[in-house]
Amino acid sequence: MDDIERRFLDGVAKGAMHEDLAASISEAMVNGTNGDLFPFLALARGCHAAAKANRQEGNTQAADFLHSMGQHLLSQAVDTLAGLMVLDVHLSGIARH
């Protein structure tokens, strides 16, 4: 996660996001991560770090956009976790009321 966050911050310093990070965000938002929470959490953390850096530089439009993307990725992580929990309950045979 630290490496991804550093790459987001490097993109802020250079004025452009790394293309592979942009592609990873797009892929995660559109197609999900097949039940893997790490990409959602790592990319969200990077988005929030980049949002903070942009806000400190006075670029509020980019900061707001990155913050929104980070929040969306976190909501997808929560949805994925909920799905995994439901699947676990179903497969373990736990009675639901």
N, C-alpha and C. Protein backbone atom coordinates (compact mmCIF):
# COMPACT_ATOMS: atom_id res chain seq x y z
N MET A 1 0.82 -1.19 0.00
CA MET A 1 0.00 0.00 0.00
C MET A 1 0.86 1.26 0.00
N ASP A 2 1.95 1.21 0.74
CA ASP A 2 2.83 2.38 0.80
C ASP A 2 3.38 2.74 -0.57
N ASP A 3 3.73 1.71 -1.36
CA ASP A 3 4.27 1.96 -2.69
C ASP A 3 3.23 2.62 -3.58
N ILE A 4 2.01 2.14 -3.50
CA ILE A 4 0.94 2.73 -4.31
C ILE A 4 0.70 4.17 -3.90
N GLU A 5 0.68 4.43 -2.60
CA GLU A 5 0.50 5.80 -2.12
C GLU A 5 1.63 6.70 -2.61
N ARG A 6 2.87 6.21 -2.54
CA ARG A 6 4.02 7.00 -3.02
C ARG A 6 3.87 7.33 -4.51
N ARG A 7 3.38 6.36 -5.29
CA ARG A 7 3.23 6.59 -6.72
C ARG A 7 2.14 7.62 -7.01
N PHE A 8 1.08 7.60 -6.21
CA PHE A 8 0.05 8.63 -6.35
C PHE A 8 0.64 10.00 -6.06
N LEU A 9 1.40 10.10 -4.97
CA LEU A 9 2.00 11.38 -4.60
C LEU A 9 3.03 11.83 -5.63
N ASP A 10 3.75 10.89 -6.21
CA ASP A 10 4.69 11.20 -7.29
C ASP A 10 3.94 11.80 -8.48
N GLY A 11 2.78 11.25 -8.76
CA GLY A 11 1.96 11.78 -9.85
C GLY A 11 1.51 13.20 -9.58
N VAL A 12 1.16 13.50 -8.33
CA VAL A 12 0.76 14.86 -7.97
C VAL A 12 1.95 15.80 -8.19
N ALA A 13 3.13 15.38 -7.75
CA ALA A 13 4.33 16.21 -7.90
C ALA A 13 4.65 16.47 -9.37
N LYS A 14 4.41 15.47 -10.21
CA LYS A 14 4.71 15.61 -11.65
C LYS A 14 3.57 16.23 -12.43
N GLY A 15 2.41 16.34 -11.80
CA GLY A 15 1.27 16.95 -12.48
C GLY A 15 0.45 16.00 -13.31
N ALA A 16 0.72 14.71 -13.22
CA ALA A 16 -0.06 13.72 -13.98
C ALA A 16 0.01 12.37 -13.29
N MET A 17 -1.13 11.71 -13.24
CA MET A 17 -1.20 10.38 -12.62
C MET A 17 -0.50 9.36 -13.52
N HIS A 18 0.17 8.40 -12.90
CA HIS A 18 0.78 7.31 -13.66
C HIS A 18 -0.33 6.56 -14.42
N GLU A 19 -0.06 6.24 -15.67
CA GLU A 19 -1.08 5.60 -16.51
C GLU A 19 -1.56 4.27 -15.95
N ASP A 20 -0.64 3.48 -15.38
CA ASP A 20 -1.06 2.18 -14.86
C ASP A 20 -1.95 2.33 -13.63
N LEU A 21 -1.73 3.37 -12.83
CA LEU A 21 -2.62 3.62 -11.68
C LEU A 21 -4.01 4.02 -12.16
N ALA A 22 -4.05 4.88 -13.17
CA ALA A 22 -5.35 5.28 -13.73
C ALA A 22 -6.08 4.07 -14.29
N ALA A 23 -5.35 3.19 -14.96
CA ALA A 23 -5.96 1.97 -15.51
C ALA A 23 -6.44 1.05 -14.39
N SER A 24 -5.68 0.96 -13.31
CA SER A 24 -6.09 0.11 -12.18
C SER A 24 -7.35 0.65 -11.51
N ILE A 25 -7.44 1.96 -11.37
CA ILE A 25 -8.65 2.56 -10.79
C ILE A 25 -9.85 2.28 -11.69
N SER A 26 -9.66 2.50 -12.97
CA SER A 26 -10.75 2.26 -13.92
C SER A 26 -11.20 0.81 -13.88
N GLU A 27 -10.26 -0.11 -13.88
CA GLU A 27 -10.58 -1.54 -13.84
C GLU A 27 -11.33 -1.88 -12.55
N ALA A 28 -10.86 -1.39 -11.42
CA ALA A 28 -11.51 -1.70 -10.14
C ALA A 28 -12.92 -1.12 -10.09
N MET A 29 -13.09 0.10 -10.59
CA MET A 29 -14.41 0.73 -10.54
C MET A 29 -15.40 0.07 -11.49
N VAL A 30 -14.92 -0.35 -12.64
CA VAL A 30 -15.83 -0.91 -13.65
C VAL A 30 -16.07 -2.40 -13.44
N ASN A 31 -15.00 -3.16 -13.20
CA ASN A 31 -15.12 -4.61 -13.17
C ASN A 31 -14.95 -5.23 -11.79
N GLY A 32 -14.67 -4.43 -10.78
CA GLY A 32 -14.45 -4.99 -9.45
C GLY A 32 -13.09 -5.67 -9.35
N THR A 33 -12.93 -6.45 -8.30
CA THR A 33 -11.63 -7.09 -8.06
C THR A 33 -11.76 -8.57 -7.74
N ASN A 34 -12.87 -9.18 -8.13
CA ASN A 34 -13.09 -10.61 -7.89
C ASN A 34 -12.95 -10.98 -6.42
N GLY A 35 -13.49 -10.18 -5.55
CA GLY A 35 -13.48 -10.49 -4.13
C GLY A 35 -12.21 -10.12 -3.40
N ASP A 36 -11.25 -9.51 -4.07
CA ASP A 36 -10.00 -9.10 -3.43
C ASP A 36 -10.15 -7.67 -2.92
N LEU A 37 -10.05 -7.49 -1.62
CA LEU A 37 -10.23 -6.17 -1.02
C LEU A 37 -9.01 -5.27 -1.18
N PHE A 38 -7.82 -5.86 -1.29
CA PHE A 38 -6.58 -5.07 -1.30
C PHE A 38 -6.57 -3.98 -2.38
N PRO A 39 -6.90 -4.30 -3.64
CA PRO A 39 -6.85 -3.22 -4.64
C PRO A 39 -7.76 -2.05 -4.31
N PHE A 40 -8.97 -2.34 -3.83
CA PHE A 40 -9.88 -1.25 -3.46
C PHE A 40 -9.26 -0.38 -2.37
N LEU A 41 -8.75 -1.03 -1.33
CA LEU A 41 -8.21 -0.29 -0.19
C LEU A 41 -6.94 0.46 -0.55
N ALA A 42 -6.04 -0.18 -1.28
CA ALA A 42 -4.78 0.47 -1.65
C ALA A 42 -5.02 1.66 -2.57
N LEU A 43 -5.88 1.48 -3.57
CA LEU A 43 -6.17 2.58 -4.49
C LEU A 43 -6.91 3.72 -3.79
N ALA A 44 -7.82 3.38 -2.88
CA ALA A 44 -8.54 4.41 -2.12
C ALA A 44 -7.56 5.21 -1.27
N ARG A 45 -6.64 4.51 -0.62
CA ARG A 45 -5.64 5.20 0.20
C ARG A 45 -4.79 6.14 -0.66
N GLY A 46 -4.41 5.68 -1.84
CA GLY A 46 -3.64 6.52 -2.75
C GLY A 46 -4.42 7.73 -3.21
N CYS A 47 -5.70 7.52 -3.53
CA CYS A 47 -6.55 8.64 -3.95
C CYS A 47 -6.67 9.68 -2.85
N HIS A 48 -6.85 9.22 -1.61
CA HIS A 48 -6.99 10.16 -0.50
C HIS A 48 -5.68 10.91 -0.23
N ALA A 49 -4.55 10.22 -0.34
CA ALA A 49 -3.25 10.88 -0.15
C ALA A 49 -3.03 11.93 -1.24
N ALA A 50 -3.36 11.58 -2.48
CA ALA A 50 -3.21 12.52 -3.58
C ALA A 50 -4.18 13.69 -3.43
N ALA A 51 -5.38 13.42 -2.93
CA ALA A 51 -6.35 14.50 -2.70
C ALA A 51 -5.80 15.48 -1.67
N LYS A 52 -5.23 14.95 -0.60
CA LYS A 52 -4.67 15.82 0.44
C LYS A 52 -3.53 16.67 -0.12
N ALA A 53 -2.65 16.05 -0.92
CA ALA A 53 -1.53 16.78 -1.51
C ALA A 53 -2.02 17.87 -2.46
N ASN A 54 -3.02 17.54 -3.27
CA ASN A 54 -3.58 18.55 -4.18
C ASN A 54 -4.23 19.69 -3.42
N ARG A 55 -4.92 19.37 -2.33
CA ARG A 55 -5.57 20.41 -1.53
C ARG A 55 -4.52 21.35 -0.93
N GLN A 56 -3.40 20.78 -0.47
CA GLN A 56 -2.32 21.60 0.10
C GLN A 56 -1.70 22.51 -0.95
N GLU A 57 -1.74 22.09 -2.21
CA GLU A 57 -1.20 22.92 -3.30
C GLU A 57 -2.23 23.90 -3.84
N GLY A 58 -3.44 23.85 -3.29
CA GLY A 58 -4.48 24.76 -3.73
C GLY A 58 -5.30 24.28 -4.90
N ASN A 59 -5.08 23.05 -5.33
CA ASN A 59 -5.82 22.50 -6.46
C ASN A 59 -7.05 21.75 -5.92
N THR A 60 -8.05 22.52 -5.54
CA THR A 60 -9.22 21.92 -4.87
C THR A 60 -10.06 21.07 -5.82
N GLN A 61 -10.09 21.41 -7.09
CA GLN A 61 -10.89 20.63 -8.04
C GLN A 61 -10.33 19.21 -8.15
N ALA A 62 -9.03 19.08 -8.32
CA ALA A 62 -8.41 17.75 -8.38
C ALA A 62 -8.55 17.03 -7.05
N ALA A 63 -8.41 17.78 -5.95
CA ALA A 63 -8.53 17.18 -4.62
C ALA A 63 -9.93 16.61 -4.41
N ASP A 64 -10.94 17.37 -4.78
CA ASP A 64 -12.32 16.89 -4.62
C ASP A 64 -12.58 15.66 -5.48
N PHE A 65 -12.06 15.67 -6.70
CA PHE A 65 -12.25 14.53 -7.60
C PHE A 65 -11.57 13.28 -7.04
N LEU A 66 -10.33 13.41 -6.61
CA LEU A 66 -9.60 12.26 -6.06
C LEU A 66 -10.24 11.76 -4.77
N HIS A 67 -10.70 12.68 -3.93
CA HIS A 67 -11.38 12.27 -2.69
C HIS A 67 -12.64 11.47 -3.03
N SER A 68 -13.41 11.94 -4.00
CA SER A 68 -14.62 11.23 -4.40
C SER A 68 -14.30 9.84 -4.94
N MET A 69 -13.25 9.74 -5.74
CA MET A 69 -12.85 8.42 -6.24
C MET A 69 -12.45 7.51 -5.10
N GLY A 70 -11.70 8.04 -4.14
CA GLY A 70 -11.29 7.24 -2.98
C GLY A 70 -12.49 6.76 -2.18
N GLN A 71 -13.47 7.64 -1.99
CA GLN A 71 -14.68 7.25 -1.26
C GLN A 71 -15.46 6.18 -2.01
N HIS A 72 -15.53 6.30 -3.32
CA HIS A 72 -16.23 5.30 -4.13
C HIS A 72 -15.52 3.94 -4.03
N LEU A 73 -14.21 3.96 -4.09
CA LEU A 73 -13.45 2.71 -3.95
C LEU A 73 -13.67 2.08 -2.58
N LEU A 74 -13.74 2.90 -1.54
CA LEU A 74 -14.01 2.37 -0.20
C LEU A 74 -15.41 1.76 -0.12
N SER A 75 -16.38 2.39 -0.77
CA SER A 75 -17.73 1.83 -0.75
C SER A 75 -17.77 0.50 -1.50
N GLN A 76 -16.99 0.39 -2.57
CA GLN A 76 -16.91 -0.88 -3.28
C GLN A 76 -16.24 -1.95 -2.41
N ALA A 77 -15.26 -1.55 -1.61
CA ALA A 77 -14.62 -2.50 -0.70
C ALA A 77 -15.62 -3.02 0.33
N VAL A 78 -16.45 -2.13 0.86
CA VAL A 78 -17.47 -2.53 1.83
C VAL A 78 -18.47 -3.47 1.18
N ASP A 79 -18.91 -3.17 -0.03
CA ASP A 79 -19.84 -4.05 -0.74
C ASP A 79 -19.22 -5.42 -0.98
N THR A 80 -17.95 -5.45 -1.35
CA THR A 80 -17.25 -6.71 -1.57
C THR A 80 -17.15 -7.51 -0.29
N LEU A 81 -16.80 -6.84 0.81
CA LEU A 81 -16.72 -7.51 2.10
C LEU A 81 -18.07 -8.08 2.51
N ALA A 82 -19.13 -7.32 2.30
CA ALA A 82 -20.47 -7.81 2.64
C ALA A 82 -20.81 -9.05 1.82
N GLY A 83 -20.46 -9.03 0.55
CA GLY A 83 -20.71 -10.20 -0.30
C GLY A 83 -19.94 -11.42 0.17
N LEU A 84 -18.70 -11.21 0.58
CA LEU A 84 -17.89 -12.32 1.09
C LEU A 84 -18.47 -12.87 2.39
N MET A 85 -18.97 -11.99 3.23
CA MET A 85 -19.56 -12.42 4.50
C MET A 85 -20.83 -13.24 4.25
N VAL A 86 -21.65 -12.79 3.33
CA VAL A 86 -22.88 -13.53 3.00
C VAL A 86 -22.53 -14.90 2.44
N LEU A 87 -21.54 -14.94 1.57
CA LEU A 87 -21.11 -16.22 1.00
C LEU A 87 -20.59 -17.15 2.09
N ASP A 88 -19.83 -16.63 3.03
CA ASP A 88 -19.30 -17.43 4.13
C ASP A 88 -20.43 -17.98 4.99
N VAL A 89 -21.40 -17.16 5.30
CA VAL A 89 -22.55 -17.61 6.10
C VAL A 89 -23.29 -18.71 5.36
N HIS A 90 -23.49 -18.52 4.07
CA HIS A 90 -24.20 -19.52 3.26
C HIS A 90 -23.43 -20.84 3.21
N LEU A 91 -22.13 -20.76 2.92
CA LEU A 91 -21.33 -21.98 2.79
C LEU A 91 -21.11 -22.70 4.11
N SER A 92 -21.09 -21.97 5.20
CA SER A 92 -20.87 -22.61 6.50
C SER A 92 -22.15 -23.21 7.08
N GLY A 93 -23.28 -22.90 6.47
CA GLY A 93 -24.54 -23.47 6.93
C GLY A 93 -25.10 -22.82 8.17
N ILE A 94 -24.61 -21.65 8.51
CA ILE A 94 -25.12 -20.94 9.69
C ILE A 94 -26.57 -20.54 9.43
N ALA A 95 -27.42 -20.80 10.42
CA ALA A 95 -28.83 -20.44 10.30
C ALA A 95 -28.99 -18.92 10.34
N ARG A 96 -29.78 -18.41 9.41
CA ARG A 96 -30.05 -16.97 9.37
C ARG A 96 -31.50 -16.76 9.75
N HIS A 97 -31.76 -15.72 10.52
CA HIS A 97 -33.13 -15.43 10.94
C HIS A 97 -33.55 -14.09 10.43
